[in-house]
Amino acid sequence: MTARNFASLVSVAAALMAAGCASRPTSIDAQWASPSIASRDRVQNVLVIAALSDSTQRRMLEDRVVEALGEAGVKAAPSHRFLADSAQVSETQLHEAVDGAGASHVLITSVSGMTTDVRITPGMVRGPGWGPGWGRTGPMGPSWGGMARYYNSAWARSTPPEVRTTQNLHGDTRLFDTGSSEVVWSVATTTVTSRGNVPAMIGQFARLIVDTLKKDLVI
């Protein structure tokens, strides 16, 4: 393999990786793990809570995270088995849910904010051709194929501006130790809502969270 061919393969691979990252709805902005994690046993039993106002999406997210944790060898339960749909829960209700699930840790995901990106591609107007063209020559000088052709060509010379808006959901996911109620791990994410349907975005989000927990040796 020549150096040129090798360089081309590297460029293609880098482009494919970049395209793959760009197509993923959710990415990690920041993450943190407590220094005490290294001295503790791996997390084995988790209650998963999605603090979302949409009850359907709440259940979908909790179920997908529970599924991903199960594939990683972690016992997990969704909170919708123990907590009714409500904007607020008491500390007593939460502890009852923890006891019901037999969980040592609670993983809570919430939406921390929402932003909108606006991208504008300017329009463009190209002038008509100049100089001798085809067609007849009239008393006013060289023409460009007649009045009708000149009129019709005007539509091809004008490109309107394009405006694209993208909505981003910013998420905050935290892992709590139920014994101390302390946060032992957290991650901030951004989800681009235009990159797929809701089930696909939720599935990718769940896998990303669990994969990050594994990489940080939390589970």
N, C-alpha and C. Protein backbone atom coordinates (compact mmCIF):
# COMPACT_ATOMS: atom_id res chain seq x y z
N MET A 1 0.85 -1.20 0.00
CA MET A 1 0.00 0.00 0.00
C MET A 1 0.88 1.24 0.00
N THR A 2 0.61 2.15 -0.95
CA THR A 2 1.40 3.37 -1.03
C THR A 2 0.99 4.34 0.06
N ALA A 3 1.87 5.30 0.31
CA ALA A 3 1.57 6.31 1.33
C ALA A 3 0.34 7.11 0.95
N ARG A 4 0.18 7.36 -0.36
CA ARG A 4 -0.99 8.14 -0.79
C ARG A 4 -2.28 7.37 -0.53
N ASN A 5 -2.28 6.05 -0.84
CA ASN A 5 -3.47 5.24 -0.61
C ASN A 5 -3.79 5.16 0.88
N PHE A 6 -2.73 5.01 1.70
CA PHE A 6 -2.95 4.93 3.14
C PHE A 6 -3.56 6.23 3.67
N ALA A 7 -3.04 7.35 3.19
CA ALA A 7 -3.56 8.64 3.62
C ALA A 7 -5.02 8.81 3.20
N SER A 8 -5.35 8.30 2.01
CA SER A 8 -6.74 8.38 1.55
C SER A 8 -7.66 7.55 2.42
N LEU A 9 -7.20 6.34 2.81
CA LEU A 9 -8.01 5.48 3.68
C LEU A 9 -8.23 6.14 5.03
N VAL A 10 -7.19 6.77 5.56
CA VAL A 10 -7.32 7.45 6.85
C VAL A 10 -8.33 8.58 6.75
N SER A 11 -8.28 9.34 5.66
CA SER A 11 -9.21 10.45 5.47
C SER A 11 -10.65 9.96 5.37
N VAL A 12 -10.84 8.86 4.64
CA VAL A 12 -12.19 8.30 4.50
C VAL A 12 -12.70 7.82 5.84
N ALA A 13 -11.84 7.12 6.60
CA ALA A 13 -12.25 6.62 7.92
C ALA A 13 -12.62 7.76 8.85
N ALA A 14 -11.82 8.82 8.83
CA ALA A 14 -12.11 9.97 9.69
C ALA A 14 -13.43 10.62 9.30
N ALA A 15 -13.68 10.70 8.00
CA ALA A 15 -14.94 11.30 7.54
C ALA A 15 -16.13 10.46 7.97
N LEU A 16 -16.00 9.12 7.88
CA LEU A 16 -17.08 8.24 8.29
C LEU A 16 -17.34 8.35 9.78
N MET A 17 -16.28 8.44 10.57
CA MET A 17 -16.44 8.58 12.02
C MET A 17 -17.12 9.90 12.35
N ALA A 18 -16.72 10.95 11.67
CA ALA A 18 -17.33 12.26 11.92
C ALA A 18 -18.81 12.25 11.55
N ALA A 19 -19.13 11.59 10.43
CA ALA A 19 -20.53 11.51 10.01
C ALA A 19 -21.34 10.71 11.00
N GLY A 20 -20.75 9.64 11.54
CA GLY A 20 -21.45 8.83 12.52
C GLY A 20 -21.74 9.60 13.79
N CYS A 21 -20.75 10.39 14.25
CA CYS A 21 -20.96 11.20 15.46
C CYS A 21 -22.04 12.26 15.22
N ALA A 22 -22.02 12.84 14.01
CA ALA A 22 -22.97 13.89 13.72
C ALA A 22 -24.39 13.37 13.65
N SER A 23 -24.56 12.07 13.31
CA SER A 23 -25.90 11.51 13.15
C SER A 23 -26.48 11.04 14.47
N ARG A 24 -25.68 10.99 15.54
CA ARG A 24 -26.19 10.55 16.82
C ARG A 24 -26.94 11.69 17.49
N PRO A 25 -28.18 11.43 17.92
CA PRO A 25 -28.96 12.52 18.52
C PRO A 25 -28.36 13.08 19.79
N THR A 26 -27.83 12.21 20.67
CA THR A 26 -27.36 12.66 21.98
C THR A 26 -25.84 12.57 22.08
N SER A 27 -25.25 13.62 22.63
CA SER A 27 -23.81 13.64 22.90
C SER A 27 -23.58 14.11 24.32
N ILE A 28 -22.41 13.77 24.85
CA ILE A 28 -22.07 14.13 26.23
C ILE A 28 -21.34 15.46 26.25
N ASP A 29 -21.81 16.37 27.08
CA ASP A 29 -21.16 17.67 27.23
C ASP A 29 -20.14 17.66 28.36
N ALA A 30 -20.48 16.99 29.46
CA ALA A 30 -19.59 16.93 30.61
C ALA A 30 -20.00 15.74 31.48
N GLN A 31 -19.05 15.21 32.21
CA GLN A 31 -19.35 14.11 33.12
C GLN A 31 -18.46 14.19 34.35
N TRP A 32 -18.93 13.59 35.44
CA TRP A 32 -18.21 13.64 36.70
C TRP A 32 -18.46 12.36 37.47
N ALA A 33 -17.45 11.90 38.17
CA ALA A 33 -17.57 10.73 39.04
C ALA A 33 -16.89 11.03 40.36
N SER A 34 -17.54 10.65 41.45
CA SER A 34 -16.98 10.89 42.77
C SER A 34 -15.69 10.10 42.95
N PRO A 35 -14.68 10.69 43.57
CA PRO A 35 -13.44 9.96 43.83
C PRO A 35 -13.68 8.70 44.67
N SER A 36 -14.76 8.69 45.42
CA SER A 36 -15.05 7.53 46.27
C SER A 36 -15.49 6.32 45.47
N ILE A 37 -15.84 6.52 44.20
CA ILE A 37 -16.30 5.40 43.36
C ILE A 37 -15.24 4.32 43.27
N ALA A 38 -13.98 4.74 43.20
CA ALA A 38 -12.89 3.77 43.02
C ALA A 38 -12.79 2.81 44.19
N SER A 39 -13.18 3.24 45.38
CA SER A 39 -13.05 2.40 46.57
C SER A 39 -14.34 1.63 46.89
N ARG A 40 -15.36 1.79 46.06
CA ARG A 40 -16.63 1.12 46.31
C ARG A 40 -16.83 -0.05 45.35
N ASP A 41 -17.73 -0.95 45.74
CA ASP A 41 -18.09 -2.04 44.85
C ASP A 41 -18.89 -1.50 43.68
N ARG A 42 -18.88 -2.23 42.58
CA ARG A 42 -19.66 -1.81 41.42
C ARG A 42 -21.16 -1.80 41.78
N VAL A 43 -21.86 -0.86 41.18
CA VAL A 43 -23.30 -0.75 41.41
C VAL A 43 -24.00 -1.95 40.78
N GLN A 44 -24.89 -2.58 41.56
CA GLN A 44 -25.54 -3.81 41.10
C GLN A 44 -27.06 -3.72 41.04
N ASN A 45 -27.65 -2.75 41.73
CA ASN A 45 -29.11 -2.68 41.80
C ASN A 45 -29.56 -1.22 41.73
N VAL A 46 -30.32 -0.86 40.69
CA VAL A 46 -30.62 0.55 40.42
C VAL A 46 -32.12 0.75 40.21
N LEU A 47 -32.64 1.82 40.79
CA LEU A 47 -33.99 2.30 40.47
C LEU A 47 -33.83 3.42 39.46
N VAL A 48 -34.48 3.29 38.31
CA VAL A 48 -34.33 4.26 37.23
C VAL A 48 -35.54 5.20 37.21
N ILE A 49 -35.26 6.50 37.27
CA ILE A 49 -36.32 7.51 37.26
C ILE A 49 -36.08 8.48 36.11
N ALA A 50 -37.10 8.66 35.27
CA ALA A 50 -37.07 9.69 34.23
C ALA A 50 -38.03 10.79 34.66
N ALA A 51 -37.49 11.92 35.06
CA ALA A 51 -38.32 13.04 35.54
C ALA A 51 -38.81 13.84 34.34
N LEU A 52 -39.76 13.28 33.61
CA LEU A 52 -40.30 13.90 32.41
C LEU A 52 -41.79 14.13 32.58
N SER A 53 -42.29 15.23 32.03
CA SER A 53 -43.70 15.55 32.15
C SER A 53 -44.57 14.67 31.27
N ASP A 54 -44.01 14.19 30.16
CA ASP A 54 -44.74 13.29 29.26
C ASP A 54 -44.67 11.88 29.83
N SER A 55 -45.80 11.34 30.26
CA SER A 55 -45.79 10.04 30.93
C SER A 55 -45.38 8.90 30.00
N THR A 56 -45.72 9.01 28.71
CA THR A 56 -45.33 7.96 27.76
C THR A 56 -43.83 7.95 27.56
N GLN A 57 -43.25 9.12 27.35
CA GLN A 57 -41.80 9.20 27.16
C GLN A 57 -41.08 8.80 28.45
N ARG A 58 -41.67 9.12 29.59
CA ARG A 58 -41.08 8.71 30.87
C ARG A 58 -40.95 7.19 30.92
N ARG A 59 -42.03 6.50 30.60
CA ARG A 59 -42.01 5.04 30.65
C ARG A 59 -41.05 4.44 29.62
N MET A 60 -41.06 5.04 28.43
CA MET A 60 -40.15 4.55 27.38
C MET A 60 -38.70 4.69 27.80
N LEU A 61 -38.34 5.85 28.34
CA LEU A 61 -36.96 6.08 28.74
C LEU A 61 -36.55 5.16 29.88
N GLU A 62 -37.40 5.05 30.90
CA GLU A 62 -37.06 4.18 32.02
C GLU A 62 -36.90 2.74 31.56
N ASP A 63 -37.80 2.27 30.71
CA ASP A 63 -37.71 0.88 30.24
C ASP A 63 -36.46 0.64 29.41
N ARG A 64 -36.09 1.61 28.57
CA ARG A 64 -34.89 1.43 27.74
C ARG A 64 -33.62 1.42 28.59
N VAL A 65 -33.56 2.30 29.60
CA VAL A 65 -32.39 2.33 30.48
C VAL A 65 -32.32 1.04 31.30
N VAL A 66 -33.45 0.57 31.80
CA VAL A 66 -33.49 -0.69 32.55
C VAL A 66 -33.01 -1.84 31.66
N GLU A 67 -33.45 -1.84 30.43
CA GLU A 67 -33.03 -2.88 29.48
C GLU A 67 -31.53 -2.84 29.24
N ALA A 68 -30.99 -1.63 29.03
CA ALA A 68 -29.55 -1.49 28.78
C ALA A 68 -28.74 -1.89 30.01
N LEU A 69 -29.21 -1.52 31.19
CA LEU A 69 -28.52 -1.92 32.42
C LEU A 69 -28.54 -3.43 32.59
N GLY A 70 -29.69 -4.05 32.27
CA GLY A 70 -29.78 -5.50 32.37
C GLY A 70 -28.79 -6.20 31.45
N GLU A 71 -28.61 -5.65 30.25
CA GLU A 71 -27.64 -6.23 29.31
C GLU A 71 -26.22 -6.08 29.84
N ALA A 72 -26.00 -5.08 30.72
CA ALA A 72 -24.68 -4.87 31.32
C ALA A 72 -24.51 -5.66 32.61
N GLY A 73 -25.51 -6.45 32.96
CA GLY A 73 -25.41 -7.28 34.16
C GLY A 73 -25.84 -6.60 35.43
N VAL A 74 -26.59 -5.50 35.32
CA VAL A 74 -27.04 -4.76 36.49
C VAL A 74 -28.55 -4.95 36.65
N LYS A 75 -28.97 -5.29 37.85
CA LYS A 75 -30.39 -5.40 38.14
C LYS A 75 -30.98 -4.01 38.24
N ALA A 76 -32.08 -3.77 37.56
CA ALA A 76 -32.67 -2.43 37.55
C ALA A 76 -34.18 -2.53 37.44
N ALA A 77 -34.85 -1.49 37.92
CA ALA A 77 -36.31 -1.43 37.88
C ALA A 77 -36.74 -0.02 37.52
N PRO A 78 -37.80 0.12 36.71
CA PRO A 78 -38.31 1.45 36.36
C PRO A 78 -39.17 2.00 37.48
N SER A 79 -39.11 3.31 37.67
CA SER A 79 -39.86 3.91 38.77
C SER A 79 -41.36 3.91 38.53
N HIS A 80 -41.81 3.79 37.27
CA HIS A 80 -43.24 3.84 37.01
C HIS A 80 -43.99 2.64 37.61
N ARG A 81 -43.23 1.65 38.07
CA ARG A 81 -43.86 0.54 38.79
C ARG A 81 -44.22 0.94 40.23
N PHE A 82 -43.55 1.95 40.72
CA PHE A 82 -43.70 2.31 42.13
C PHE A 82 -44.23 3.73 42.35
N LEU A 83 -44.01 4.62 41.38
CA LEU A 83 -44.40 6.02 41.53
C LEU A 83 -45.40 6.40 40.45
N ALA A 84 -46.48 7.04 40.86
CA ALA A 84 -47.47 7.50 39.89
C ALA A 84 -46.94 8.73 39.16
N ASP A 85 -47.57 9.05 38.04
CA ASP A 85 -47.18 10.24 37.29
C ASP A 85 -47.50 11.49 38.11
N SER A 86 -46.46 12.22 38.45
CA SER A 86 -46.64 13.42 39.27
C SER A 86 -45.44 14.33 39.10
N ALA A 87 -45.71 15.63 39.17
CA ALA A 87 -44.61 16.58 39.04
C ALA A 87 -43.73 16.60 40.28
N GLN A 88 -44.28 16.20 41.44
CA GLN A 88 -43.54 16.23 42.68
C GLN A 88 -43.73 14.90 43.43
N VAL A 89 -42.68 14.43 44.07
CA VAL A 89 -42.78 13.26 44.95
C VAL A 89 -42.13 13.63 46.28
N SER A 90 -42.66 13.05 47.33
CA SER A 90 -42.09 13.32 48.65
C SER A 90 -40.91 12.40 48.90
N GLU A 91 -40.11 12.76 49.90
CA GLU A 91 -38.97 11.93 50.26
C GLU A 91 -39.46 10.55 50.72
N THR A 92 -40.59 10.52 51.39
CA THR A 92 -41.15 9.25 51.85
C THR A 92 -41.54 8.37 50.67
N GLN A 93 -42.20 8.96 49.67
CA GLN A 93 -42.58 8.19 48.49
C GLN A 93 -41.36 7.64 47.76
N LEU A 94 -40.33 8.45 47.69
CA LEU A 94 -39.12 8.02 46.99
C LEU A 94 -38.44 6.88 47.73
N HIS A 95 -38.37 6.97 49.05
CA HIS A 95 -37.76 5.89 49.82
C HIS A 95 -38.59 4.62 49.74
N GLU A 96 -39.91 4.76 49.69
CA GLU A 96 -40.76 3.58 49.53
C GLU A 96 -40.51 2.91 48.18
N ALA A 97 -40.31 3.72 47.14
CA ALA A 97 -40.00 3.16 45.82
C ALA A 97 -38.65 2.46 45.83
N VAL A 98 -37.68 3.07 46.50
CA VAL A 98 -36.35 2.46 46.62
C VAL A 98 -36.43 1.13 47.35
N ASP A 99 -37.19 1.10 48.44
CA ASP A 99 -37.35 -0.15 49.19
C ASP A 99 -38.08 -1.20 48.36
N GLY A 100 -39.08 -0.75 47.61
CA GLY A 100 -39.83 -1.69 46.79
C GLY A 100 -38.96 -2.31 45.71
N ALA A 101 -38.03 -1.53 45.17
CA ALA A 101 -37.14 -2.04 44.13
C ALA A 101 -35.92 -2.75 44.72
N GLY A 102 -35.70 -2.57 46.03
CA GLY A 102 -34.50 -3.14 46.64
C GLY A 102 -33.24 -2.55 46.08
N ALA A 103 -33.28 -1.26 45.74
CA ALA A 103 -32.16 -0.63 45.04
C ALA A 103 -31.15 -0.02 46.00
N SER A 104 -29.89 -0.10 45.61
CA SER A 104 -28.82 0.55 46.36
C SER A 104 -28.52 1.94 45.81
N HIS A 105 -28.97 2.19 44.55
CA HIS A 105 -28.72 3.46 43.90
C HIS A 105 -29.94 3.88 43.09
N VAL A 106 -30.05 5.18 42.88
CA VAL A 106 -31.13 5.73 42.06
C VAL A 106 -30.52 6.55 40.93
N LEU A 107 -30.94 6.25 39.70
CA LEU A 107 -30.47 6.98 38.52
C LEU A 107 -31.61 7.87 38.03
N ILE A 108 -31.41 9.19 38.12
CA ILE A 108 -32.47 10.14 37.77
C ILE A 108 -32.03 10.97 36.56
N THR A 109 -32.89 11.01 35.55
CA THR A 109 -32.65 11.83 34.36
C THR A 109 -33.72 12.90 34.26
N SER A 110 -33.29 14.13 33.98
CA SER A 110 -34.24 15.23 33.82
C SER A 110 -33.78 16.13 32.68
N VAL A 111 -34.69 16.96 32.20
CA VAL A 111 -34.36 17.96 31.18
C VAL A 111 -34.00 19.26 31.89
N SER A 112 -32.77 19.72 31.70
CA SER A 112 -32.30 20.92 32.41
C SER A 112 -32.52 22.20 31.62
N GLY A 113 -32.79 22.07 30.32
CA GLY A 113 -33.00 23.27 29.53
C GLY A 113 -33.25 22.95 28.06
N MET A 114 -33.53 23.99 27.30
CA MET A 114 -33.82 23.82 25.88
C MET A 114 -33.28 25.04 25.13
N THR A 115 -32.60 24.78 24.02
CA THR A 115 -32.09 25.87 23.19
C THR A 115 -32.46 25.63 21.74
N THR A 116 -32.40 26.68 20.95
CA THR A 116 -32.70 26.59 19.53
C THR A 116 -31.55 27.19 18.73
N ASP A 117 -31.01 26.43 17.81
CA ASP A 117 -29.97 26.92 16.91
C ASP A 117 -30.62 27.35 15.60
N VAL A 118 -30.24 28.51 15.12
CA VAL A 118 -30.76 29.02 13.85
C VAL A 118 -29.58 29.19 12.90
N ARG A 119 -29.67 28.54 11.75
CA ARG A 119 -28.61 28.65 10.74
C ARG A 119 -29.22 29.23 9.46
N ILE A 120 -28.61 30.28 8.97
CA ILE A 120 -29.12 30.96 7.78
C ILE A 120 -28.10 30.85 6.65
N THR A 121 -28.56 30.31 5.53
CA THR A 121 -27.73 30.27 4.33
C THR A 121 -28.17 31.41 3.43
N PRO A 122 -27.30 32.39 3.19
CA PRO A 122 -27.71 33.55 2.39
C PRO A 122 -28.14 33.15 0.99
N GLY A 123 -29.08 33.90 0.45
CA GLY A 123 -29.46 33.69 -0.94
C GLY A 123 -28.43 34.27 -1.89
N MET A 124 -28.64 34.04 -3.16
CA MET A 124 -27.66 34.52 -4.13
C MET A 124 -28.40 34.90 -5.42
N VAL A 125 -27.99 36.02 -6.01
CA VAL A 125 -28.54 36.46 -7.28
C VAL A 125 -27.39 36.63 -8.25
N ARG A 126 -27.44 35.88 -9.35
CA ARG A 126 -26.40 35.98 -10.37
C ARG A 126 -26.90 36.88 -11.50
N GLY A 127 -26.03 37.74 -11.97
CA GLY A 127 -26.42 38.64 -13.05
C GLY A 127 -26.55 37.90 -14.37
N PRO A 128 -27.21 38.52 -15.33
CA PRO A 128 -27.36 37.88 -16.65
C PRO A 128 -26.04 37.80 -17.37
N GLY A 129 -25.98 36.91 -18.31
CA GLY A 129 -24.77 36.80 -19.13
C GLY A 129 -24.53 38.10 -19.89
N TRP A 130 -23.28 38.34 -20.22
CA TRP A 130 -22.94 39.59 -20.90
C TRP A 130 -22.06 39.28 -22.09
N GLY A 131 -22.20 40.10 -23.04
CA GLY A 131 -21.41 39.91 -24.24
C GLY A 131 -22.25 39.26 -25.33
N PRO A 132 -21.72 39.13 -26.52
CA PRO A 132 -22.47 38.56 -27.64
C PRO A 132 -22.94 37.15 -27.30
N GLY A 133 -24.19 36.88 -27.49
CA GLY A 133 -24.72 35.55 -27.22
C GLY A 133 -25.32 34.97 -28.47
N TRP A 134 -26.32 34.08 -28.25
CA TRP A 134 -26.97 33.50 -29.41
C TRP A 134 -28.18 34.36 -29.80
N GLY A 135 -28.75 34.02 -30.89
CA GLY A 135 -29.97 34.71 -31.29
C GLY A 135 -29.68 35.88 -32.23
N ARG A 136 -30.73 36.61 -32.48
CA ARG A 136 -30.64 37.68 -33.46
C ARG A 136 -30.04 38.93 -32.83
N THR A 137 -29.62 39.83 -33.70
CA THR A 137 -29.12 41.12 -33.28
C THR A 137 -30.13 42.18 -33.65
N GLY A 138 -30.61 42.91 -32.68
CA GLY A 138 -31.63 43.93 -32.92
C GLY A 138 -31.00 45.31 -32.90
N PRO A 139 -31.83 46.31 -33.05
CA PRO A 139 -31.31 47.69 -33.06
C PRO A 139 -30.70 48.11 -31.74
N MET A 140 -31.02 47.37 -30.65
CA MET A 140 -30.47 47.74 -29.35
C MET A 140 -29.18 46.97 -29.04
N GLY A 141 -28.67 46.24 -29.97
CA GLY A 141 -27.43 45.52 -29.76
C GLY A 141 -27.66 44.03 -29.62
N PRO A 142 -26.59 43.26 -29.31
CA PRO A 142 -26.72 41.80 -29.22
C PRO A 142 -27.74 41.40 -28.16
N SER A 143 -28.60 40.46 -28.49
CA SER A 143 -29.59 39.99 -27.53
C SER A 143 -29.13 38.66 -26.94
N TRP A 144 -29.91 38.14 -25.99
CA TRP A 144 -29.57 36.86 -25.33
C TRP A 144 -30.68 35.83 -25.59
N GLY A 145 -31.06 35.72 -26.84
CA GLY A 145 -32.05 34.72 -27.23
C GLY A 145 -33.46 35.24 -27.18
N GLY A 146 -33.67 36.52 -27.08
CA GLY A 146 -35.02 37.05 -27.08
C GLY A 146 -35.52 37.38 -25.70
N MET A 147 -36.60 38.13 -25.63
CA MET A 147 -37.14 38.59 -24.34
C MET A 147 -37.64 37.44 -23.48
N ALA A 148 -38.32 36.45 -24.07
CA ALA A 148 -38.86 35.34 -23.29
C ALA A 148 -37.75 34.53 -22.62
N ARG A 149 -36.70 34.25 -23.35
CA ARG A 149 -35.60 33.49 -22.77
C ARG A 149 -34.92 34.28 -21.67
N TYR A 150 -34.79 35.56 -21.85
CA TYR A 150 -34.19 36.40 -20.82
C TYR A 150 -35.05 36.38 -19.56
N TYR A 151 -36.37 36.48 -19.75
CA TYR A 151 -37.28 36.46 -18.60
C TYR A 151 -37.19 35.12 -17.88
N ASN A 152 -37.22 34.02 -18.63
CA ASN A 152 -37.20 32.69 -18.01
C ASN A 152 -35.88 32.41 -17.30
N SER A 153 -34.80 32.96 -17.83
CA SER A 153 -33.50 32.70 -17.21
C SER A 153 -33.36 33.40 -15.87
N ALA A 154 -34.20 34.41 -15.62
CA ALA A 154 -34.11 35.14 -14.35
C ALA A 154 -34.41 34.23 -13.17
N TRP A 155 -35.30 33.24 -13.36
CA TRP A 155 -35.65 32.34 -12.27
C TRP A 155 -34.47 31.47 -11.89
N ALA A 156 -33.64 31.12 -12.85
CA ALA A 156 -32.47 30.27 -12.57
C ALA A 156 -31.34 31.06 -11.93
N ARG A 157 -31.38 32.42 -12.06
CA ARG A 157 -30.30 33.22 -11.52
C ARG A 157 -30.50 33.55 -10.05
N SER A 158 -31.68 33.30 -9.50
CA SER A 158 -31.98 33.69 -8.14
C SER A 158 -32.11 32.46 -7.23
N THR A 159 -31.32 32.43 -6.14
CA THR A 159 -31.39 31.35 -5.14
C THR A 159 -31.86 31.97 -3.82
N PRO A 160 -33.03 31.57 -3.32
CA PRO A 160 -33.55 32.20 -2.10
C PRO A 160 -32.73 31.78 -0.88
N PRO A 161 -32.74 32.58 0.16
CA PRO A 161 -32.03 32.20 1.40
C PRO A 161 -32.74 31.03 2.07
N GLU A 162 -31.99 30.28 2.89
CA GLU A 162 -32.54 29.12 3.59
C GLU A 162 -32.33 29.29 5.09
N VAL A 163 -33.37 29.06 5.86
CA VAL A 163 -33.30 29.18 7.30
C VAL A 163 -33.60 27.82 7.92
N ARG A 164 -32.70 27.33 8.75
CA ARG A 164 -32.89 26.05 9.42
C ARG A 164 -32.84 26.26 10.93
N THR A 165 -33.81 25.70 11.62
CA THR A 165 -33.82 25.77 13.08
C THR A 165 -33.70 24.37 13.66
N THR A 166 -32.92 24.25 14.71
CA THR A 166 -32.71 22.98 15.38
C THR A 166 -32.96 23.15 16.86
N GLN A 167 -33.80 22.29 17.42
CA GLN A 167 -34.09 22.35 18.85
C GLN A 167 -33.23 21.35 19.60
N ASN A 168 -32.60 21.82 20.67
CA ASN A 168 -31.72 20.98 21.49
C ASN A 168 -32.29 20.83 22.89
N LEU A 169 -32.33 19.60 23.36
CA LEU A 169 -32.73 19.33 24.74
C LEU A 169 -31.49 19.04 25.56
N HIS A 170 -31.31 19.75 26.66
CA HIS A 170 -30.16 19.55 27.53
C HIS A 170 -30.59 18.72 28.74
N GLY A 171 -29.92 17.60 28.91
CA GLY A 171 -30.29 16.67 29.97
C GLY A 171 -29.28 16.62 31.09
N ASP A 172 -29.76 16.23 32.25
CA ASP A 172 -28.91 16.08 33.43
C ASP A 172 -29.25 14.73 34.07
N THR A 173 -28.27 13.84 34.14
CA THR A 173 -28.48 12.51 34.70
C THR A 173 -27.55 12.32 35.89
N ARG A 174 -28.12 11.91 37.02
CA ARG A 174 -27.34 11.75 38.24
C ARG A 174 -27.61 10.40 38.89
N LEU A 175 -26.55 9.84 39.45
CA LEU A 175 -26.66 8.58 40.17
C LEU A 175 -26.49 8.86 41.66
N PHE A 176 -27.50 8.50 42.45
CA PHE A 176 -27.48 8.74 43.88
C PHE A 176 -27.24 7.44 44.64
N ASP A 177 -26.46 7.54 45.71
CA ASP A 177 -26.33 6.44 46.66
C ASP A 177 -27.49 6.54 47.64
N THR A 178 -28.32 5.51 47.73
CA THR A 178 -29.52 5.60 48.57
C THR A 178 -29.18 5.64 50.06
N GLY A 179 -28.01 5.12 50.43
CA GLY A 179 -27.63 5.12 51.84
C GLY A 179 -27.28 6.51 52.34
N SER A 180 -26.57 7.28 51.52
CA SER A 180 -26.12 8.61 51.93
C SER A 180 -26.87 9.74 51.23
N SER A 181 -27.66 9.40 50.21
CA SER A 181 -28.37 10.39 49.38
C SER A 181 -27.41 11.32 48.65
N GLU A 182 -26.17 10.90 48.48
CA GLU A 182 -25.17 11.71 47.80
C GLU A 182 -25.10 11.34 46.32
N VAL A 183 -24.79 12.34 45.50
CA VAL A 183 -24.54 12.09 44.08
C VAL A 183 -23.15 11.49 43.93
N VAL A 184 -23.06 10.34 43.28
CA VAL A 184 -21.76 9.69 43.10
C VAL A 184 -21.31 9.70 41.64
N TRP A 185 -22.22 10.11 40.76
CA TRP A 185 -21.88 10.16 39.33
C TRP A 185 -22.90 11.03 38.62
N SER A 186 -22.45 11.81 37.63
CA SER A 186 -23.38 12.65 36.88
C SER A 186 -22.85 12.90 35.48
N VAL A 187 -23.78 13.22 34.58
CA VAL A 187 -23.41 13.50 33.20
C VAL A 187 -24.40 14.51 32.63
N ALA A 188 -23.87 15.46 31.85
CA ALA A 188 -24.69 16.44 31.14
C ALA A 188 -24.69 16.10 29.66
N THR A 189 -25.87 16.14 29.05
CA THR A 189 -26.00 15.73 27.65
C THR A 189 -26.78 16.77 26.85
N THR A 190 -26.62 16.68 25.52
CA THR A 190 -27.42 17.48 24.60
C THR A 190 -28.00 16.55 23.55
N THR A 191 -29.30 16.64 23.34
CA THR A 191 -29.98 15.82 22.34
C THR A 191 -30.54 16.73 21.25
N VAL A 192 -30.12 16.47 20.01
CA VAL A 192 -30.63 17.22 18.86
C VAL A 192 -31.90 16.53 18.38
N THR A 193 -33.03 17.18 18.56
CA THR A 193 -34.32 16.51 18.35
C THR A 193 -34.63 16.22 16.88
N SER A 194 -33.88 16.82 15.97
CA SER A 194 -34.15 16.60 14.54
C SER A 194 -33.47 15.34 14.01
N ARG A 195 -32.68 14.68 14.83
CA ARG A 195 -31.91 13.52 14.36
C ARG A 195 -32.60 12.21 14.74
N GLY A 196 -33.80 12.00 14.25
CA GLY A 196 -34.47 10.74 14.46
C GLY A 196 -35.79 10.89 15.17
N ASN A 197 -36.55 9.77 15.24
CA ASN A 197 -37.82 9.79 15.93
C ASN A 197 -37.61 9.56 17.43
N VAL A 198 -38.66 9.73 18.20
CA VAL A 198 -38.53 9.67 19.66
C VAL A 198 -38.04 8.31 20.15
N PRO A 199 -38.61 7.17 19.70
CA PRO A 199 -38.09 5.88 20.19
C PRO A 199 -36.61 5.67 19.89
N ALA A 200 -36.18 6.06 18.70
CA ALA A 200 -34.77 5.89 18.34
C ALA A 200 -33.87 6.78 19.20
N MET A 201 -34.29 8.02 19.44
CA MET A 201 -33.49 8.94 20.26
C MET A 201 -33.40 8.43 21.70
N ILE A 202 -34.52 7.91 22.23
CA ILE A 202 -34.51 7.39 23.60
C ILE A 202 -33.61 6.17 23.71
N GLY A 203 -33.66 5.31 22.72
CA GLY A 203 -32.80 4.12 22.73
C GLY A 203 -31.33 4.47 22.70
N GLN A 204 -30.95 5.43 21.85
CA GLN A 204 -29.55 5.84 21.78
C GLN A 204 -29.10 6.51 23.06
N PHE A 205 -30.00 7.32 23.65
CA PHE A 205 -29.68 7.98 24.91
C PHE A 205 -29.43 6.95 26.01
N ALA A 206 -30.29 5.95 26.12
CA ALA A 206 -30.14 4.93 27.15
C ALA A 206 -28.83 4.18 27.01
N ARG A 207 -28.49 3.81 25.78
CA ARG A 207 -27.23 3.08 25.56
C ARG A 207 -26.03 3.95 25.90
N LEU A 208 -26.10 5.25 25.55
CA LEU A 208 -24.99 6.16 25.83
C LEU A 208 -24.77 6.29 27.34
N ILE A 209 -25.85 6.43 28.10
CA ILE A 209 -25.73 6.58 29.55
C ILE A 209 -25.11 5.33 30.16
N VAL A 210 -25.59 4.16 29.78
CA VAL A 210 -25.08 2.91 30.35
C VAL A 210 -23.64 2.67 29.92
N ASP A 211 -23.32 2.95 28.66
CA ASP A 211 -21.93 2.78 28.20
C ASP A 211 -20.98 3.69 28.97
N THR A 212 -21.43 4.89 29.28
CA THR A 212 -20.59 5.83 30.04
C THR A 212 -20.40 5.36 31.48
N LEU A 213 -21.45 4.80 32.07
CA LEU A 213 -21.32 4.22 33.40
C LEU A 213 -20.30 3.08 33.41
N LYS A 214 -20.30 2.30 32.37
CA LYS A 214 -19.35 1.19 32.27
C LYS A 214 -17.92 1.71 32.12
N LYS A 215 -17.75 2.72 31.26
CA LYS A 215 -16.41 3.26 31.02
C LYS A 215 -15.84 3.89 32.29
N ASP A 216 -16.72 4.46 33.11
CA ASP A 216 -16.28 5.08 34.36
C ASP A 216 -16.16 4.06 35.51
N LEU A 217 -16.37 2.78 35.16
CA LEU A 217 -16.24 1.68 36.14
C LEU A 217 -17.22 1.83 37.30
N VAL A 218 -18.38 2.43 37.01
CA VAL A 218 -19.41 2.54 38.05
C VAL A 218 -20.23 1.25 38.11
N ILE A 219 -20.43 0.65 36.95
CA ILE A 219 -21.14 -0.64 36.89
C ILE A 219 -20.24 -1.69 36.25
